[in-house]
Amino acid sequence: MGNFSGFQKDVLAQAAKIPYGEVRTYGDIAQALGKPRAARAVGTALGSNPLLILIPCHRVIGADDRLHGYAGGLETKAFLLNLEGLYIEGDRVVRADDG
């Protein structure tokens, strides 16, 4: 990851830790990095992910549980999350605790 900033590397490292079948929000990642107001910057950093499957940025969603940005397209993001056992309704991940 040659020309990546320290922040970009940290964001990608956090995304790589998200377990199969789980999601995190951009804000969750920002919080984990100690930069709770950096959710948009997290999204920008994830947009630079050169390894879409190895670093599963498809597991990162908006605070509103909606699918946002994915280099492979939102349809692919929804497909991958569904493949991992998550239920997608429209452009939203329906979490188990949603009832």
PDB file of N, CA and C in Angstrom:
ATOM      1  N   MET A   1       0.841  -1.179   0.000  1.00  0.00           N
ATOM      2  CA  MET A   1       0.000   0.000   0.000  1.00  0.00           C
ATOM      3  C   MET A   1       0.878   1.231   0.000  1.00  0.00           C
ATOM      4  N   GLY A   2       1.630   1.333  -1.022  1.00  0.00           N
ATOM      5  CA  GLY A   2       2.642   2.349  -1.206  1.00  0.00           C
ATOM      6  C   GLY A   2       2.347   3.761  -0.763  1.00  0.00           C
ATOM      7  N   ASN A   3       1.506   4.477  -1.462  1.00  0.00           N
ATOM      8  CA  ASN A   3       1.306   5.898  -1.209  1.00  0.00           C
ATOM      9  C   ASN A   3       0.113   6.201  -0.313  1.00  0.00           C
ATOM     10  N   PHE A   4      -0.250   5.292   0.552  1.00  0.00           N
ATOM     11  CA  PHE A   4      -1.375   5.504   1.446  1.00  0.00           C
ATOM     12  C   PHE A   4      -0.924   6.258   2.686  1.00  0.00           C
ATOM     13  N   SER A   5      -1.780   7.151   3.153  1.00  0.00           N
ATOM     14  CA  SER A   5      -1.467   7.878   4.388  1.00  0.00           C
ATOM     15  C   SER A   5      -1.630   6.940   5.570  1.00  0.00           C
ATOM     16  N   GLY A   6      -1.124   7.361   6.701  1.00  0.00           N
ATOM     17  CA  GLY A   6      -1.291   6.588   7.927  1.00  0.00           C
ATOM     18  C   GLY A   6      -2.761   6.385   8.253  1.00  0.00           C
ATOM     19  N   PHE A   7      -3.563   7.428   8.046  1.00  0.00           N
ATOM     20  CA  PHE A   7      -4.995   7.333   8.316  1.00  0.00           C
ATOM     21  C   PHE A   7      -5.646   6.295   7.404  1.00  0.00           C
ATOM     22  N   GLN A   8      -5.323   6.334   6.109  1.00  0.00           N
ATOM     23  CA  GLN A   8      -5.895   5.355   5.175  1.00  0.00           C
ATOM     24  C   GLN A   8      -5.525   3.935   5.591  1.00  0.00           C
ATOM     25  N   LYS A   9      -4.282   3.721   5.941  1.00  0.00           N
ATOM     26  CA  LYS A   9      -3.851   2.387   6.378  1.00  0.00           C
ATOM     27  C   LYS A   9      -4.601   1.964   7.627  1.00  0.00           C
ATOM     28  N   ASP A  10      -4.798   2.888   8.563  1.00  0.00           N
ATOM     29  CA  ASP A  10      -5.524   2.572   9.799  1.00  0.00           C
ATOM     30  C   ASP A  10      -6.977   2.214   9.507  1.00  0.00           C
ATOM     31  N   VAL A  11      -7.602   2.949   8.606  1.00  0.00           N
ATOM     32  CA  VAL A  11      -8.996   2.668   8.237  1.00  0.00           C
ATOM     33  C   VAL A  11      -9.093   1.285   7.596  1.00  0.00           C
ATOM     34  N   LEU A  12      -8.214   0.997   6.657  1.00  0.00           N
ATOM     35  CA  LEU A  12      -8.249  -0.306   5.990  1.00  0.00           C
ATOM     36  C   LEU A  12      -7.969  -1.435   6.973  1.00  0.00           C
ATOM     37  N   ALA A  13      -7.104  -1.202   7.939  1.00  0.00           N
ATOM     38  CA  ALA A  13      -6.826  -2.210   8.965  1.00  0.00           C
ATOM     39  C   ALA A  13      -8.077  -2.462   9.817  1.00  0.00           C
ATOM     40  N   GLN A  14      -8.810  -1.415  10.148  1.00  0.00           N
ATOM     41  CA  GLN A  14     -10.052  -1.574  10.909  1.00  0.00           C
ATOM     42  C   GLN A  14     -11.085  -2.344  10.091  1.00  0.00           C
ATOM     43  N   ALA A  15     -11.209  -2.025   8.821  1.00  0.00           N
ATOM     44  CA  ALA A  15     -12.167  -2.720   7.962  1.00  0.00           C
ATOM     45  C   ALA A  15     -11.818  -4.206   7.856  1.00  0.00           C
ATOM     46  N   ALA A  16     -10.540  -4.503   7.818  1.00  0.00           N
ATOM     47  CA  ALA A  16     -10.093  -5.897   7.712  1.00  0.00           C
ATOM     48  C   ALA A  16     -10.471  -6.711   8.944  1.00  0.00           C
ATOM     49  N   LYS A  17     -10.720  -6.061  10.061  1.00  0.00           N
ATOM     50  CA  LYS A  17     -11.074  -6.745  11.311  1.00  0.00           C
ATOM     51  C   LYS A  17     -12.561  -7.074  11.430  1.00  0.00           C
ATOM     52  N   ILE A  18     -13.391  -6.556  10.535  1.00  0.00           N
ATOM     53  CA  ILE A  18     -14.832  -6.785  10.652  1.00  0.00           C
ATOM     54  C   ILE A  18     -15.126  -8.252  10.333  1.00  0.00           C
ATOM     55  N   PRO A  19     -15.713  -8.977  11.275  1.00  0.00           N
ATOM     56  CA  PRO A  19     -15.975 -10.400  11.047  1.00  0.00           C
ATOM     57  C   PRO A  19     -16.994 -10.664   9.935  1.00  0.00           C
ATOM     58  N   TYR A  20     -16.854 -11.805   9.318  1.00  0.00           N
ATOM     59  CA  TYR A  20     -17.784 -12.285   8.295  1.00  0.00           C
ATOM     60  C   TYR A  20     -19.198 -12.240   8.867  1.00  0.00           C
ATOM     61  N   GLY A  21     -20.129 -11.702   8.106  1.00  0.00           N
ATOM     62  CA  GLY A  21     -21.522 -11.670   8.521  1.00  0.00           C
ATOM     63  C   GLY A  21     -21.881 -10.529   9.452  1.00  0.00           C
ATOM     64  N   GLU A  22     -20.934  -9.622   9.688  1.00  0.00           N
ATOM     65  CA  GLU A  22     -21.197  -8.471  10.543  1.00  0.00           C
ATOM     66  C   GLU A  22     -20.923  -7.192   9.761  1.00  0.00           C
ATOM     67  N   VAL A  23     -21.504  -6.100  10.240  1.00  0.00           N
ATOM     68  CA  VAL A  23     -21.260  -4.795   9.638  1.00  0.00           C
ATOM     69  C   VAL A  23     -20.847  -3.804  10.708  1.00  0.00           C
ATOM     70  N   ARG A  24     -20.198  -2.757  10.263  1.00  0.00           N
ATOM     71  CA  ARG A  24     -19.859  -1.609  11.103  1.00  0.00           C
ATOM     72  C   ARG A  24     -20.235  -0.366  10.320  1.00  0.00           C
ATOM     73  N   THR A  25     -20.451   0.722  11.018  1.00  0.00           N
ATOM     74  CA  THR A  25     -20.723   1.977  10.326  1.00  0.00           C
ATOM     75  C   THR A  25     -19.411   2.730  10.128  1.00  0.00           C
ATOM     76  N   TYR A  26     -19.465   3.710   9.242  1.00  0.00           N
ATOM     77  CA  TYR A  26     -18.304   4.579   9.038  1.00  0.00           C
ATOM     78  C   TYR A  26     -17.948   5.242  10.369  1.00  0.00           C
ATOM     79  N   GLY A  27     -18.971   5.616  11.127  1.00  0.00           N
ATOM     80  CA  GLY A  27     -18.754   6.227  12.437  1.00  0.00           C
ATOM     81  C   GLY A  27     -18.119   5.277  13.433  1.00  0.00           C
ATOM     82  N   ASP A  28     -18.492   4.001  13.379  1.00  0.00           N
ATOM     83  CA  ASP A  28     -17.868   3.001  14.260  1.00  0.00           C
ATOM     84  C   ASP A  28     -16.362   2.954  14.024  1.00  0.00           C
ATOM     85  N   ILE A  29     -15.984   2.972  12.756  1.00  0.00           N
ATOM     86  CA  ILE A  29     -14.559   2.906  12.423  1.00  0.00           C
ATOM     87  C   ILE A  29     -13.860   4.184  12.871  1.00  0.00           C
ATOM     88  N   ALA A  30     -14.488   5.316  12.628  1.00  0.00           N
ATOM     89  CA  ALA A  30     -13.910   6.597  13.073  1.00  0.00           C
ATOM     90  C   ALA A  30     -13.712   6.579  14.585  1.00  0.00           C
ATOM     91  N   GLN A  31     -14.714   6.102  15.303  1.00  0.00           N
ATOM     92  CA  GLN A  31     -14.639   6.025  16.771  1.00  0.00           C
ATOM     93  C   GLN A  31     -13.495   5.108  17.196  1.00  0.00           C
ATOM     94  N   ALA A  32     -13.377   3.962  16.552  1.00  0.00           N
ATOM     95  CA  ALA A  32     -12.306   3.009  16.892  1.00  0.00           C
ATOM     96  C   ALA A  32     -10.924   3.602  16.675  1.00  0.00           C
ATOM     97  N   LEU A  33     -10.833   4.551  15.747  1.00  0.00           N
ATOM     98  CA  LEU A  33      -9.554   5.210  15.464  1.00  0.00           C
ATOM     99  C   LEU A  33      -9.323   6.425  16.358  1.00  0.00           C
ATOM    100  N   GLY A  34     -10.279   6.699  17.247  1.00  0.00           N
ATOM    101  CA  GLY A  34     -10.139   7.852  18.134  1.00  0.00           C
ATOM    102  C   GLY A  34     -10.432   9.169  17.444  1.00  0.00           C
ATOM    103  N   LYS A  35     -11.153   9.109  16.329  1.00  0.00           N
ATOM    104  CA  LYS A  35     -11.500  10.312  15.559  1.00  0.00           C
ATOM    105  C   LYS A  35     -13.005  10.279  15.265  1.00  0.00           C
ATOM    106  N   PRO A  36     -13.825  10.460  16.301  1.00  0.00           N
ATOM    107  CA  PRO A  36     -15.265  10.258  16.156  1.00  0.00           C
ATOM    108  C   PRO A  36     -15.952  11.158  15.136  1.00  0.00           C
ATOM    109  N   ARG A  37     -15.329  12.231  14.734  1.00  0.00           N
ATOM    110  CA  ARG A  37     -15.945  13.136  13.754  1.00  0.00           C
ATOM    111  C   ARG A  37     -15.440  12.886  12.328  1.00  0.00           C
ATOM    112  N   ALA A  38     -14.730  11.800  12.133  1.00  0.00           N
ATOM    113  CA  ALA A  38     -14.084  11.540  10.843  1.00  0.00           C
ATOM    114  C   ALA A  38     -14.802  10.497   9.989  1.00  0.00           C
ATOM    115  N   ALA A  39     -16.110  10.324  10.176  1.00  0.00           N
ATOM    116  CA  ALA A  39     -16.833   9.295   9.425  1.00  0.00           C
ATOM    117  C   ALA A  39     -16.715   9.497   7.906  1.00  0.00           C
ATOM    118  N   ARG A  40     -16.820  10.741   7.457  1.00  0.00           N
ATOM    119  CA  ARG A  40     -16.689  10.996   6.003  1.00  0.00           C
ATOM    120  C   ARG A  40     -15.292  10.669   5.505  1.00  0.00           C
ATOM    121  N   ALA A  41     -14.293  11.007   6.293  1.00  0.00           N
ATOM    122  CA  ALA A  41     -12.916  10.694   5.912  1.00  0.00           C
ATOM    123  C   ALA A  41     -12.708   9.176   5.855  1.00  0.00           C
ATOM    124  N   VAL A  42     -13.387   8.457   6.732  1.00  0.00           N
ATOM    125  CA  VAL A  42     -13.331   6.992   6.697  1.00  0.00           C
ATOM    126  C   VAL A  42     -13.882   6.503   5.352  1.00  0.00           C
ATOM    127  N   GLY A  43     -15.008   7.057   4.930  1.00  0.00           N
ATOM    128  CA  GLY A  43     -15.585   6.675   3.642  1.00  0.00           C
ATOM    129  C   GLY A  43     -14.642   6.943   2.491  1.00  0.00           C
ATOM    130  N   THR A  44     -13.990   8.090   2.527  1.00  0.00           N
ATOM    131  CA  THR A  44     -13.028   8.435   1.486  1.00  0.00           C
ATOM    132  C   THR A  44     -11.861   7.453   1.491  1.00  0.00           C
ATOM    133  N   ALA A  45     -11.367   7.130   2.670  1.00  0.00           N
ATOM    134  CA  ALA A  45     -10.248   6.181   2.770  1.00  0.00           C
ATOM    135  C   ALA A  45     -10.658   4.802   2.262  1.00  0.00           C
ATOM    136  N   LEU A  46     -11.869   4.371   2.583  1.00  0.00           N
ATOM    137  CA  LEU A  46     -12.328   3.068   2.099  1.00  0.00           C
ATOM    138  C   LEU A  46     -12.461   3.056   0.583  1.00  0.00           C
ATOM    139  N   GLY A  47     -12.755   4.206   0.003  1.00  0.00           N
ATOM    140  CA  GLY A  47     -12.844   4.309  -1.446  1.00  0.00           C
ATOM    141  C   GLY A  47     -11.522   4.045  -2.141  1.00  0.00           C
ATOM    142  N   SER A  48     -10.435   4.085  -1.392  1.00  0.00           N
ATOM    143  CA  SER A  48      -9.115   3.831  -1.969  1.00  0.00           C
ATOM    144  C   SER A  48      -8.675   2.375  -1.804  1.00  0.00           C
ATOM    145  N   ASN A  49      -9.562   1.539  -1.281  1.00  0.00           N
ATOM    146  CA  ASN A  49      -9.245   0.139  -1.021  1.00  0.00           C
ATOM    147  C   ASN A  49      -8.922  -0.600  -2.315  1.00  0.00           C
ATOM    148  N   PRO A  50      -7.670  -1.074  -2.457  1.00  0.00           N
ATOM    149  CA  PRO A  50      -7.289  -1.779  -3.678  1.00  0.00           C
ATOM    150  C   PRO A  50      -7.628  -3.277  -3.641  1.00  0.00           C
ATOM    151  N   LEU A  51      -8.055  -3.765  -2.485  1.00  0.00           N
ATOM    152  CA  LEU A  51      -8.277  -5.205  -2.301  1.00  0.00           C
ATOM    153  C   LEU A  51      -9.684  -5.454  -1.756  1.00  0.00           C
ATOM    154  N   LEU A  52     -10.688  -5.270  -2.587  1.00  0.00           N
ATOM    155  CA  LEU A  52     -12.081  -5.243  -2.137  1.00  0.00           C
ATOM    156  C   LEU A  52     -12.544  -6.477  -1.376  1.00  0.00           C
ATOM    157  N   ILE A  53     -12.084  -7.638  -1.700  1.00  0.00           N
ATOM    158  CA  ILE A  53     -12.528  -8.835  -0.986  1.00  0.00           C
ATOM    159  C   ILE A  53     -11.628  -9.124   0.213  1.00  0.00           C
ATOM    160  N   LEU A  54     -10.340  -8.926   0.069  1.00  0.00           N
ATOM    161  CA  LEU A  54      -9.432  -9.178   1.194  1.00  0.00           C
ATOM    162  C   LEU A  54      -9.628  -8.180   2.329  1.00  0.00           C
ATOM    163  N   ILE A  55      -9.915  -6.958   1.972  1.00  0.00           N
ATOM    164  CA  ILE A  55     -10.250  -5.931   2.967  1.00  0.00           C
ATOM    165  C   ILE A  55     -11.727  -5.623   2.723  1.00  0.00           C
ATOM    166  N   PRO A  56     -12.597  -6.242   3.512  1.00  0.00           N
ATOM    167  CA  PRO A  56     -14.029  -6.255   3.208  1.00  0.00           C
ATOM    168  C   PRO A  56     -14.767  -4.951   3.505  1.00  0.00           C
ATOM    169  N   CYS A  57     -14.498  -3.937   2.721  1.00  0.00           N
ATOM    170  CA  CYS A  57     -15.156  -2.653   2.960  1.00  0.00           C
ATOM    171  C   CYS A  57     -16.644  -2.713   2.621  1.00  0.00           C
ATOM    172  N   HIS A  58     -17.104  -3.804   1.989  1.00  0.00           N
ATOM    173  CA  HIS A  58     -18.539  -3.967   1.767  1.00  0.00           C
ATOM    174  C   HIS A  58     -19.284  -4.127   3.089  1.00  0.00           C
ATOM    175  N   ARG A  59     -18.565  -4.420   4.160  1.00  0.00           N
ATOM    176  CA  ARG A  59     -19.175  -4.596   5.480  1.00  0.00           C
ATOM    177  C   ARG A  59     -19.340  -3.277   6.233  1.00  0.00           C
ATOM    178  N   VAL A  60     -19.045  -2.176   5.580  1.00  0.00           N
ATOM    179  CA  VAL A  60     -19.186  -0.862   6.211  1.00  0.00           C
ATOM    180  C   VAL A  60     -20.411  -0.176   5.615  1.00  0.00           C
ATOM    181  N   ILE A  61     -21.308   0.257   6.510  1.00  0.00           N
ATOM    182  CA  ILE A  61     -22.575   0.858   6.086  1.00  0.00           C
ATOM    183  C   ILE A  61     -22.755   2.207   6.769  1.00  0.00           C
ATOM    184  N   GLY A  62     -23.765   2.932   6.346  1.00  0.00           N
ATOM    185  CA  GLY A  62     -24.059   4.227   6.939  1.00  0.00           C
ATOM    186  C   GLY A  62     -24.695   4.090   8.311  1.00  0.00           C
ATOM    187  N   ALA A  63     -24.664   5.171   9.069  1.00  0.00           N
ATOM    188  CA  ALA A  63     -25.271   5.195  10.401  1.00  0.00           C
ATOM    189  C   ALA A  63     -26.765   4.912  10.332  1.00  0.00           C
ATOM    190  N   ASP A  64     -27.363   5.157   9.167  1.00  0.00           N
ATOM    191  CA  ASP A  64     -28.785   4.908   8.953  1.00  0.00           C
ATOM    192  C   ASP A  64     -29.048   3.474   8.477  1.00  0.00           C
ATOM    193  N   ASP A  65     -28.024   2.617   8.554  1.00  0.00           N
ATOM    194  CA  ASP A  65     -28.067   1.215   8.116  1.00  0.00           C
ATOM    195  C   ASP A  65     -28.239   1.064   6.609  1.00  0.00           C
ATOM    196  N   ARG A  66     -28.019   2.138   5.878  1.00  0.00           N
ATOM    197  CA  ARG A  66     -28.148   2.075   4.420  1.00  0.00           C
ATOM    198  C   ARG A  66     -26.789   1.779   3.781  1.00  0.00           C
ATOM    199  N   LEU A  67     -26.872   1.189   2.606  1.00  0.00           N
ATOM    200  CA  LEU A  67     -25.669   0.907   1.838  1.00  0.00           C
ATOM    201  C   LEU A  67     -25.204   2.197   1.192  1.00  0.00           C
ATOM    202  N   HIS A  68     -23.962   2.526   1.396  1.00  0.00           N
ATOM    203  CA  HIS A  68     -23.366   3.722   0.801  1.00  0.00           C
ATOM    204  C   HIS A  68     -22.064   3.310   0.151  1.00  0.00           C
ATOM    205  N   GLY A  69     -21.752   3.892  -0.973  1.00  0.00           N
ATOM    206  CA  GLY A  69     -20.487   3.736  -1.658  1.00  0.00           C
ATOM    207  C   GLY A  69     -19.820   2.380  -1.614  1.00  0.00           C
ATOM    208  N   TYR A  70     -19.462   1.875  -2.755  1.00  0.00           N
ATOM    209  CA  TYR A  70     -18.678   0.658  -2.879  1.00  0.00           C
ATOM    210  C   TYR A  70     -18.150   0.638  -4.306  1.00  0.00           C
ATOM    211  N   ALA A  71     -16.863   0.468  -4.447  1.00  0.00           N
ATOM    212  CA  ALA A  71     -16.240   0.511  -5.774  1.00  0.00           C
ATOM    213  C   ALA A  71     -16.838  -0.528  -6.724  1.00  0.00           C
ATOM    214  N   GLY A  72     -17.302  -1.644  -6.170  1.00  0.00           N
ATOM    215  CA  GLY A  72     -17.910  -2.687  -6.989  1.00  0.00           C
ATOM    216  C   GLY A  72     -19.372  -2.427  -7.304  1.00  0.00           C
ATOM    217  N   GLY A  73     -19.924  -1.331  -6.763  1.00  0.00           N
ATOM    218  CA  GLY A  73     -21.331  -0.999  -6.976  1.00  0.00           C
ATOM    219  C   GLY A  73     -22.191  -1.458  -5.805  1.00  0.00           C
ATOM    220  N   LEU A  74     -23.259  -0.738  -5.564  1.00  0.00           N
ATOM    221  CA  LEU A  74     -24.117  -1.054  -4.418  1.00  0.00           C
ATOM    222  C   LEU A  74     -24.832  -2.390  -4.577  1.00  0.00           C
ATOM    223  N   GLU A  75     -25.136  -2.767  -5.810  1.00  0.00           N
ATOM    224  CA  GLU A  75     -25.767  -4.071  -6.039  1.00  0.00           C
ATOM    225  C   GLU A  75     -24.827  -5.194  -5.594  1.00  0.00           C
ATOM    226  N   THR A  76     -23.557  -5.050  -5.903  1.00  0.00           N
ATOM    227  CA  THR A  76     -22.558  -6.044  -5.486  1.00  0.00           C
ATOM    228  C   THR A  76     -22.396  -6.031  -3.976  1.00  0.00           C
ATOM    229  N   LYS A  77     -22.395  -4.844  -3.371  1.00  0.00           N
ATOM    230  CA  LYS A  77     -22.285  -4.729  -1.915  1.00  0.00           C
ATOM    231  C   LYS A  77     -23.451  -5.469  -1.261  1.00  0.00           C
ATOM    232  N   ALA A  78     -24.664  -5.245  -1.749  1.00  0.00           N
ATOM    233  CA  ALA A  78     -25.843  -5.920  -1.212  1.00  0.00           C
ATOM    234  C   ALA A  78     -25.734  -7.431  -1.398  1.00  0.00           C
ATOM    235  N   PHE A  79     -25.272  -7.865  -2.569  1.00  0.00           N
ATOM    236  CA  PHE A  79     -25.105  -9.289  -2.844  1.00  0.00           C
ATOM    237  C   PHE A  79     -24.134  -9.929  -1.855  1.00  0.00           C
ATOM    238  N   LEU A  80     -22.995  -9.278  -1.637  1.00  0.00           N
ATOM    239  CA  LEU A  80     -21.984  -9.835  -0.734  1.00  0.00           C
ATOM    240  C   LEU A  80     -22.502  -9.906   0.706  1.00  0.00           C
ATOM    241  N   LEU A  81     -23.175  -8.872   1.157  1.00  0.00           N
ATOM    242  CA  LEU A  81     -23.723  -8.886   2.521  1.00  0.00           C
ATOM    243  C   LEU A  81     -24.794  -9.960   2.657  1.00  0.00           C
ATOM    244  N   ASN A  82     -25.634 -10.102   1.640  1.00  0.00           N
ATOM    245  CA  ASN A  82     -26.655 -11.139   1.652  1.00  0.00           C
ATOM    246  C   ASN A  82     -26.015 -12.522   1.668  1.00  0.00           C
ATOM    247  N   LEU A  83     -24.953 -12.691   0.908  1.00  0.00           N
ATOM    248  CA  LEU A  83     -24.208 -13.945   0.869  1.00  0.00           C
ATOM    249  C   LEU A  83     -23.674 -14.301   2.260  1.00  0.00           C
ATOM    250  N   GLU A  84     -23.341 -13.276   3.038  1.00  0.00           N
ATOM    251  CA  GLU A  84     -22.824 -13.479   4.389  1.00  0.00           C
ATOM    252  C   GLU A  84     -23.941 -13.656   5.422  1.00  0.00           C
ATOM    253  N   GLY A  85     -25.184 -13.693   4.945  1.00  0.00           N
ATOM    254  CA  GLY A  85     -26.298 -13.967   5.840  1.00  0.00           C
ATOM    255  C   GLY A  85     -27.039 -12.752   6.360  1.00  0.00           C
ATOM    256  N   LEU A  86     -26.702 -11.577   5.858  1.00  0.00           N
ATOM    257  CA  LEU A  86     -27.405 -10.371   6.281  1.00  0.00           C
ATOM    258  C   LEU A  86     -28.595 -10.140   5.366  1.00  0.00           C
ATOM    259  N   TYR A  87     -29.666  -9.653   5.930  1.00  0.00           N
ATOM    260  CA  TYR A  87     -30.875  -9.389   5.156  1.00  0.00           C
ATOM    261  C   TYR A  87     -30.856  -7.951   4.670  1.00  0.00           C
ATOM    262  N   ILE A  88     -31.035  -7.784   3.373  1.00  0.00           N
ATOM    263  CA  ILE A  88     -31.040  -6.457   2.763  1.00  0.00           C
ATOM    264  C   ILE A  88     -32.448  -6.175   2.260  1.00  0.00           C
ATOM    265  N   GLU A  89     -32.994  -5.056   2.684  1.00  0.00           N
ATOM    266  CA  GLU A  89     -34.318  -4.633   2.215  1.00  0.00           C
ATOM    267  C   GLU A  89     -34.145  -3.298   1.514  1.00  0.00           C
ATOM    268  N   GLY A  90     -34.296  -3.307   0.204  1.00  0.00           N
ATOM    269  CA  GLY A  90     -34.034  -2.096  -0.572  1.00  0.00           C
ATOM    270  C   GLY A  90     -32.551  -1.784  -0.523  1.00  0.00           C
ATOM    271  N   ASP A  91     -32.202  -0.652   0.069  1.00  0.00           N
ATOM    272  CA  ASP A  91     -30.786  -0.283   0.213  1.00  0.00           C
ATOM    273  C   ASP A  91     -30.390  -0.242   1.687  1.00  0.00           C
ATOM    274  N   ARG A  92     -31.089  -1.020   2.500  1.00  0.00           N
ATOM    275  CA  ARG A  92     -30.874  -0.981   3.949  1.00  0.00           C
ATOM    276  C   ARG A  92     -30.592  -2.364   4.495  1.00  0.00           C
ATOM    277  N   VAL A  93     -29.626  -2.458   5.399  1.00  0.00           N
ATOM    278  CA  VAL A  93     -29.357  -3.700   6.108  1.00  0.00           C
ATOM    279  C   VAL A  93     -30.339  -3.764   7.269  1.00  0.00           C
ATOM    280  N   VAL A  94     -31.089  -4.838   7.319  1.00  0.00           N
ATOM    281  CA  VAL A  94     -32.032  -5.044   8.423  1.00  0.00           C
ATOM    282  C   VAL A  94     -31.299  -5.861   9.470  1.00  0.00           C
ATOM    283  N   ARG A  95     -31.042  -5.239  10.584  1.00  0.00           N
ATOM    284  CA  ARG A  95     -30.305  -5.909  11.651  1.00  0.00           C
ATOM    285  C   ARG A  95     -31.246  -6.773  12.480  1.00  0.00           C
ATOM    286  N   ALA A  96     -30.693  -7.784  13.103  1.00  0.00           N
ATOM    287  CA  ALA A  96     -31.495  -8.720  13.907  1.00  0.00           C
ATOM    288  C   ALA A  96     -32.284  -8.013  14.990  1.00  0.00           C
ATOM    289  N   ASP A  97     -31.717  -6.951  15.565  1.00  0.00           N
ATOM    290  CA  ASP A  97     -32.399  -6.247  16.651  1.00  0.00           C
ATOM    291  C   ASP A  97     -33.440  -5.251  16.155  1.00  0.00           C
ATOM    292  N   ASP A  98     -33.657  -5.198  14.815  1.00  0.00           N
ATOM    293  CA  ASP A  98     -34.675  -4.295  14.258  1.00  0.00           C
ATOM    294  C   ASP A  98     -36.083  -4.854  14.450  1.00  0.00           C
ATOM    295  N   GLY A  99     -36.183  -6.143  14.793  1.00  0.00           N
ATOM    296  CA  GLY A  99     -37.484  -6.748  15.056  1.00  0.00           C
ATOM    297  C   GLY A  99     -38.135  -7.279  13.911  1.00  0.00           C
TER     298      GLY A  99
END
